[in-house]
Amino acid sequence: KQWYQRRVAITAGMLTIGVAFVQWKGSSTPDSGSDGSQLVGLSCILLACCTSGFSGVFLEKMIKNTNQSLWIRNFQLAFCSVLVGTVNLIFSDLGTLLRDGFFTNFAPIVVAAVISQAYGGLLIGMVMKYADNIVKVFTTSISIIISSFISIFYFRDLQLTLTFAIGTALVCSATVIYSLSRPSPKKTD
């Protein structure tokens, strides 16, 4: 058990460093007109990471320790999101909504993005039900790498750099090491 926890910690560190390298934009001189503080930015990122990690573990516990089906849990979570979104829509864009309607400026690409996000939410729910939060983190990291590769070749807005290659190697290595070190599930006969 202790060797497994050590490997999880090591692969999580490799994953973090790898994703940071993949997302690294290179050295650039800071804008002299920038009002932002690096300490404030770093603090916000650390807070976001902690709250994201907590919410992922809490969601996994909530999904796995219930008698309700995955679909009912997804509906409950979606209902909360729709409620918050509707309140925001009413307070921020009620005039535009009444004048132009709800689906104004919904191009086919926007519809595709909405469908993709809904499908992704269902997939994440299934991963959380049948796997664990650590697997979700690894799949998210792999999706960042894949998205970056698509951005390089399709959109041509990202340069293939040494940091990107190192980050990709770290993420792939961490994924392989983690998957090889997972304890086999206990058989119940």
C-alpha atoms as a PDB file:
ATOM      1  CA  LYS A   1       0.000   0.000   0.000  1.00  0.00           C
ATOM      2  CA  GLN A   2       2.819   2.409   0.877  1.00  0.00           C
ATOM      3  CA  TRP A   3       4.667   1.800  -2.420  1.00  0.00           C
ATOM      4  CA  TYR A   4       1.457   2.541  -4.288  1.00  0.00           C
ATOM      5  CA  GLN A   5       0.946   5.848  -2.468  1.00  0.00           C
ATOM      6  CA  ARG A   6       4.556   6.832  -3.194  1.00  0.00           C
ATOM      7  CA  ARG A   7       4.122   6.050  -6.884  1.00  0.00           C
ATOM      8  CA  VAL A   8       0.888   8.043  -7.019  1.00  0.00           C
ATOM      9  CA  ALA A   9       2.684  11.029  -5.454  1.00  0.00           C
ATOM     10  CA  ILE A  10       5.629  10.729  -7.862  1.00  0.00           C
ATOM     11  CA  THR A  11       3.410  10.379 -10.941  1.00  0.00           C
ATOM     12  CA  ALA A  12       1.224  13.280  -9.785  1.00  0.00           C
ATOM     13  CA  GLY A  13       4.352  15.433  -9.534  1.00  0.00           C
ATOM     14  CA  MET A  14       5.517  14.303 -12.985  1.00  0.00           C
ATOM     15  CA  LEU A  15       2.057  15.050 -14.348  1.00  0.00           C
ATOM     16  CA  THR A  16       1.987  18.531 -12.837  1.00  0.00           C
ATOM     17  CA  ILE A  17       5.427  19.429 -14.175  1.00  0.00           C
ATOM     18  CA  GLY A  18       4.611  17.905 -17.572  1.00  0.00           C
ATOM     19  CA  VAL A  19       1.383  19.866 -18.000  1.00  0.00           C
ATOM     20  CA  ALA A  20       3.160  23.050 -16.871  1.00  0.00           C
ATOM     21  CA  PHE A  21       5.830  22.468 -19.543  1.00  0.00           C
ATOM     22  CA  VAL A  22       3.237  21.789 -22.241  1.00  0.00           C
ATOM     23  CA  GLN A  23       1.368  24.997 -21.368  1.00  0.00           C
ATOM     24  CA  TRP A  24       4.571  27.061 -21.091  1.00  0.00           C
ATOM     25  CA  LYS A  25       4.503  29.917 -23.602  1.00  0.00           C
ATOM     26  CA  GLY A  26       8.241  30.574 -23.494  1.00  0.00           C
ATOM     27  CA  SER A  27      10.155  33.463 -22.058  1.00  0.00           C
ATOM     28  CA  SER A  28       8.660  36.806 -22.798  1.00  0.00           C
ATOM     29  CA  THR A  29       9.291  40.176 -21.266  1.00  0.00           C
ATOM     30  CA  PRO A  30       6.509  41.307 -18.962  1.00  0.00           C
ATOM     31  CA  ASP A  31       4.356  44.128 -20.233  1.00  0.00           C
ATOM     32  CA  SER A  32       5.307  47.342 -18.446  1.00  0.00           C
ATOM     33  CA  GLY A  33       1.645  48.426 -18.409  1.00  0.00           C
ATOM     34  CA  SER A  34       0.538  45.232 -16.662  1.00  0.00           C
ATOM     35  CA  ASP A  35      -1.279  45.785 -13.391  1.00  0.00           C
ATOM     36  CA  GLY A  36      -1.201  42.104 -12.413  1.00  0.00           C
ATOM     37  CA  SER A  37       0.908  40.679  -9.658  1.00  0.00           C
ATOM     38  CA  GLN A  38       2.642  37.341 -10.149  1.00  0.00           C
ATOM     39  CA  LEU A  39       2.059  36.496  -6.480  1.00  0.00           C
ATOM     40  CA  VAL A  40      -1.676  37.147  -6.811  1.00  0.00           C
ATOM     41  CA  GLY A  41      -1.793  35.086 -10.013  1.00  0.00           C
ATOM     42  CA  LEU A  42       0.086  32.198  -8.440  1.00  0.00           C
ATOM     43  CA  SER A  43      -2.149  32.345  -5.363  1.00  0.00           C
ATOM     44  CA  CYS A  44      -5.270  32.218  -7.525  1.00  0.00           C
ATOM     45  CA  ILE A  45      -3.929  29.236  -9.475  1.00  0.00           C
ATOM     46  CA  LEU A  46      -3.060  27.363  -6.269  1.00  0.00           C
ATOM     47  CA  LEU A  47      -6.503  28.123  -4.836  1.00  0.00           C
ATOM     48  CA  ALA A  48      -8.151  26.920  -8.049  1.00  0.00           C
ATOM     49  CA  CYS A  49      -6.095  23.704  -7.971  1.00  0.00           C
ATOM     50  CA  CYS A  50      -7.016  23.017  -4.349  1.00  0.00           C
ATOM     51  CA  THR A  51     -10.723  23.675  -4.842  1.00  0.00           C
ATOM     52  CA  SER A  52     -10.718  21.635  -8.059  1.00  0.00           C
ATOM     53  CA  GLY A  53      -9.036  18.727  -6.309  1.00  0.00           C
ATOM     54  CA  PHE A  54     -11.444  18.915  -3.381  1.00  0.00           C
ATOM     55  CA  SER A  55     -14.476  19.079  -5.645  1.00  0.00           C
ATOM     56  CA  GLY A  56     -13.220  16.112  -7.698  1.00  0.00           C
ATOM     57  CA  VAL A  57     -12.737  13.951  -4.614  1.00  0.00           C
ATOM     58  CA  PHE A  58     -16.068  15.082  -3.148  1.00  0.00           C
ATOM     59  CA  LEU A  59     -17.884  14.367  -6.427  1.00  0.00           C
ATOM     60  CA  GLU A  60     -16.308  10.910  -6.613  1.00  0.00           C
ATOM     61  CA  LYS A  61     -17.411  10.167  -3.053  1.00  0.00           C
ATOM     62  CA  MET A  62     -20.902  11.485  -3.746  1.00  0.00           C
ATOM     63  CA  ILE A  63     -21.296   9.419  -6.921  1.00  0.00           C
ATOM     64  CA  LYS A  64     -19.842   6.176  -5.549  1.00  0.00           C
ATOM     65  CA  ASN A  65     -21.499   6.225  -2.121  1.00  0.00           C
ATOM     66  CA  THR A  66     -25.096   6.536  -3.205  1.00  0.00           C
ATOM     67  CA  ASN A  67     -27.899   4.230  -4.168  1.00  0.00           C
ATOM     68  CA  GLN A  68     -29.078   6.542  -6.927  1.00  0.00           C
ATOM     69  CA  SER A  69     -28.106   5.911 -10.519  1.00  0.00           C
ATOM     70  CA  LEU A  70     -25.444   7.865 -12.352  1.00  0.00           C
ATOM     71  CA  TRP A  71     -28.097   9.440 -14.590  1.00  0.00           C
ATOM     72  CA  ILE A  72     -30.082  10.815 -11.659  1.00  0.00           C
ATOM     73  CA  ARG A  73     -26.893  12.305 -10.168  1.00  0.00           C
ATOM     74  CA  ASN A  74     -26.010  13.869 -13.537  1.00  0.00           C
ATOM     75  CA  PHE A  75     -29.507  15.332 -13.772  1.00  0.00           C
ATOM     76  CA  GLN A  76     -29.244  16.767 -10.252  1.00  0.00           C
ATOM     77  CA  LEU A  77     -25.888  18.373 -10.997  1.00  0.00           C
ATOM     78  CA  ALA A  78     -27.142  19.708 -14.346  1.00  0.00           C
ATOM     79  CA  PHE A  79     -30.220  21.162 -12.667  1.00  0.00           C
ATOM     80  CA  CYS A  80     -28.020  23.157 -10.281  1.00  0.00           C
ATOM     81  CA  SER A  81     -25.928  24.423 -13.205  1.00  0.00           C
ATOM     82  CA  VAL A  82     -29.004  25.409 -15.214  1.00  0.00           C
ATOM     83  CA  LEU A  83     -30.443  27.217 -12.211  1.00  0.00           C
ATOM     84  CA  VAL A  84     -27.272  29.264 -11.660  1.00  0.00           C
ATOM     85  CA  GLY A  85     -26.947  29.945 -15.412  1.00  0.00           C
ATOM     86  CA  THR A  86     -30.572  31.076 -15.675  1.00  0.00           C
ATOM     87  CA  VAL A  87     -30.218  33.492 -12.751  1.00  0.00           C
ATOM     88  CA  ASN A  88     -27.052  34.899 -14.353  1.00  0.00           C
ATOM     89  CA  LEU A  89     -28.801  35.207 -17.735  1.00  0.00           C
ATOM     90  CA  ILE A  90     -31.752  37.051 -16.206  1.00  0.00           C
ATOM     91  CA  PHE A  91     -29.590  39.547 -14.329  1.00  0.00           C
ATOM     92  CA  SER A  92     -27.060  40.165 -17.107  1.00  0.00           C
ATOM     93  CA  ASP A  93     -28.877  39.826 -20.460  1.00  0.00           C
ATOM     94  CA  LEU A  94     -32.618  39.946 -19.871  1.00  0.00           C
ATOM     95  CA  GLY A  95     -33.170  42.777 -22.366  1.00  0.00           C
ATOM     96  CA  THR A  96     -31.303  41.006 -25.175  1.00  0.00           C
ATOM     97  CA  LEU A  97     -33.033  37.736 -24.321  1.00  0.00           C
ATOM     98  CA  LEU A  98     -36.511  39.290 -24.574  1.00  0.00           C
ATOM     99  CA  ARG A  99     -35.676  41.272 -27.719  1.00  0.00           C
ATOM    100  CA  ASP A 100     -33.741  38.662 -29.762  1.00  0.00           C
ATOM    101  CA  GLY A 101     -34.648  35.323 -28.206  1.00  0.00           C
ATOM    102  CA  PHE A 102     -32.553  32.646 -26.530  1.00  0.00           C
ATOM    103  CA  PHE A 103     -30.862  31.084 -29.576  1.00  0.00           C
ATOM    104  CA  THR A 104     -29.749  34.325 -31.209  1.00  0.00           C
ATOM    105  CA  ASN A 105     -26.224  34.114 -32.662  1.00  0.00           C
ATOM    106  CA  PHE A 106     -26.089  30.338 -32.113  1.00  0.00           C
ATOM    107  CA  ALA A 107     -23.864  29.347 -35.017  1.00  0.00           C
ATOM    108  CA  PRO A 108     -23.403  25.639 -35.829  1.00  0.00           C
ATOM    109  CA  ILE A 109     -20.009  25.722 -34.107  1.00  0.00           C
ATOM    110  CA  VAL A 110     -21.648  26.952 -30.888  1.00  0.00           C
ATOM    111  CA  VAL A 111     -24.229  24.156 -31.041  1.00  0.00           C
ATOM    112  CA  ALA A 112     -21.386  21.665 -31.595  1.00  0.00           C
ATOM    113  CA  ALA A 113     -19.530  23.080 -28.563  1.00  0.00           C
ATOM    114  CA  VAL A 114     -22.641  22.776 -26.371  1.00  0.00           C
ATOM    115  CA  ILE A 115     -23.211  19.172 -27.459  1.00  0.00           C
ATOM    116  CA  SER A 116     -19.528  18.382 -26.925  1.00  0.00           C
ATOM    117  CA  GLN A 117     -19.605  19.827 -23.397  1.00  0.00           C
ATOM    118  CA  ALA A 118     -22.766  17.887 -22.534  1.00  0.00           C
ATOM    119  CA  TYR A 119     -21.272  14.651 -23.852  1.00  0.00           C
ATOM    120  CA  GLY A 120     -18.032  15.358 -21.972  1.00  0.00           C
ATOM    121  CA  GLY A 121     -19.971  15.843 -18.748  1.00  0.00           C
ATOM    122  CA  LEU A 122     -21.635  12.463 -19.163  1.00  0.00           C
ATOM    123  CA  LEU A 123     -18.272  10.835 -19.858  1.00  0.00           C
ATOM    124  CA  ILE A 124     -16.728  12.409 -16.759  1.00  0.00           C
ATOM    125  CA  GLY A 125     -19.661  11.148 -14.706  1.00  0.00           C
ATOM    126  CA  MET A 126     -19.047   7.632 -16.005  1.00  0.00           C
ATOM    127  CA  VAL A 127     -15.308   7.869 -15.288  1.00  0.00           C
ATOM    128  CA  MET A 128     -16.065   9.022 -11.754  1.00  0.00           C
ATOM    129  CA  LYS A 129     -18.552   6.179 -11.255  1.00  0.00           C
ATOM    130  CA  TYR A 130     -16.467   3.356 -12.686  1.00  0.00           C
ATOM    131  CA  ALA A 131     -12.872   4.584 -12.143  1.00  0.00           C
ATOM    132  CA  ASP A 132     -11.495   7.163  -9.719  1.00  0.00           C
ATOM    133  CA  ASN A 133     -10.510  10.822  -9.496  1.00  0.00           C
ATOM    134  CA  ILE A 134      -6.848  10.085 -10.244  1.00  0.00           C
ATOM    135  CA  VAL A 135      -7.783   8.449 -13.552  1.00  0.00           C
ATOM    136  CA  LYS A 136      -9.834  11.561 -14.392  1.00  0.00           C
ATOM    137  CA  VAL A 137      -6.795  13.769 -13.752  1.00  0.00           C
ATOM    138  CA  PHE A 138      -4.633  11.611 -16.017  1.00  0.00           C
ATOM    139  CA  THR A 139      -7.230  11.627 -18.801  1.00  0.00           C
ATOM    140  CA  THR A 140      -7.545  15.407 -18.514  1.00  0.00           C
ATOM    141  CA  SER A 141      -3.778  15.747 -18.842  1.00  0.00           C
ATOM    142  CA  ILE A 142      -3.711  13.509 -21.905  1.00  0.00           C
ATOM    143  CA  SER A 143      -6.539  15.580 -23.418  1.00  0.00           C
ATOM    144  CA  ILE A 144      -4.444  18.746 -22.910  1.00  0.00           C
ATOM    145  CA  ILE A 145      -1.610  17.115 -24.857  1.00  0.00           C
ATOM    146  CA  ILE A 146      -3.963  15.995 -27.643  1.00  0.00           C
ATOM    147  CA  SER A 147      -5.557  19.464 -27.825  1.00  0.00           C
ATOM    148  CA  SER A 148      -2.107  21.014 -28.062  1.00  0.00           C
ATOM    149  CA  PHE A 149      -1.139  18.673 -30.903  1.00  0.00           C
ATOM    150  CA  ILE A 150      -4.353  19.560 -32.742  1.00  0.00           C
ATOM    151  CA  SER A 151      -3.570  23.231 -32.173  1.00  0.00           C
ATOM    152  CA  ILE A 152      -0.081  22.768 -33.646  1.00  0.00           C
ATOM    153  CA  PHE A 153      -1.165  21.036 -36.831  1.00  0.00           C
ATOM    154  CA  TYR A 154      -4.694  22.311 -37.433  1.00  0.00           C
ATOM    155  CA  PHE A 155      -4.709  25.888 -36.192  1.00  0.00           C
ATOM    156  CA  ARG A 156      -0.966  26.454 -36.600  1.00  0.00           C
ATOM    157  CA  ASP A 157      -0.937  28.775 -33.613  1.00  0.00           C
ATOM    158  CA  LEU A 158       1.416  26.814 -31.363  1.00  0.00           C
ATOM    159  CA  GLN A 159       5.085  26.155 -31.951  1.00  0.00           C
ATOM    160  CA  LEU A 160       6.547  22.731 -31.181  1.00  0.00           C
ATOM    161  CA  THR A 161       9.255  23.545 -28.621  1.00  0.00           C
ATOM    162  CA  LEU A 162      11.632  21.649 -26.378  1.00  0.00           C
ATOM    163  CA  THR A 163       9.489  22.417 -23.315  1.00  0.00           C
ATOM    164  CA  PHE A 164       6.443  21.023 -25.107  1.00  0.00           C
ATOM    165  CA  ALA A 165       8.324  17.827 -25.968  1.00  0.00           C
ATOM    166  CA  ILE A 166       9.637  17.444 -22.400  1.00  0.00           C
ATOM    167  CA  GLY A 167       6.161  18.065 -20.978  1.00  0.00           C
ATOM    168  CA  THR A 168       4.596  15.538 -23.340  1.00  0.00           C
ATOM    169  CA  ALA A 169       7.222  12.952 -22.387  1.00  0.00           C
ATOM    170  CA  LEU A 170       6.620  13.583 -18.665  1.00  0.00           C
ATOM    171  CA  VAL A 171       2.823  13.290 -18.992  1.00  0.00           C
ATOM    172  CA  CYS A 172       3.048  10.098 -21.060  1.00  0.00           C
ATOM    173  CA  SER A 173       5.645   8.601 -18.698  1.00  0.00           C
ATOM    174  CA  ALA A 174       3.575   9.468 -15.637  1.00  0.00           C
ATOM    175  CA  THR A 175       0.507   7.878 -17.227  1.00  0.00           C
ATOM    176  CA  VAL A 176       2.381   4.669 -18.029  1.00  0.00           C
ATOM    177  CA  ILE A 177       4.024   4.465 -14.589  1.00  0.00           C
ATOM    178  CA  TYR A 178       0.707   5.062 -12.844  1.00  0.00           C
ATOM    179  CA  SER A 179      -1.176   2.499 -14.920  1.00  0.00           C
ATOM    180  CA  LEU A 180       1.521  -0.139 -14.380  1.00  0.00           C
ATOM    181  CA  SER A 181       1.617   0.447 -10.620  1.00  0.00           C
ATOM    182  CA  ARG A 182      -2.117   0.252  -9.919  1.00  0.00           C
ATOM    183  CA  PRO A 183      -3.018  -2.590  -7.591  1.00  0.00           C
ATOM    184  CA  SER A 184      -5.160  -5.269  -9.181  1.00  0.00           C
ATOM    185  CA  PRO A 185      -8.798  -5.176  -8.099  1.00  0.00           C
ATOM    186  CA  LYS A 186      -9.822  -7.688  -5.476  1.00  0.00           C
ATOM    187  CA  LYS A 187     -11.813 -10.585  -6.889  1.00  0.00           C
ATOM    188  CA  THR A 188     -15.094 -11.311  -5.212  1.00  0.00           C
ATOM    189  CA  ASP A 189     -16.534 -14.719  -5.923  1.00  0.00           C
END
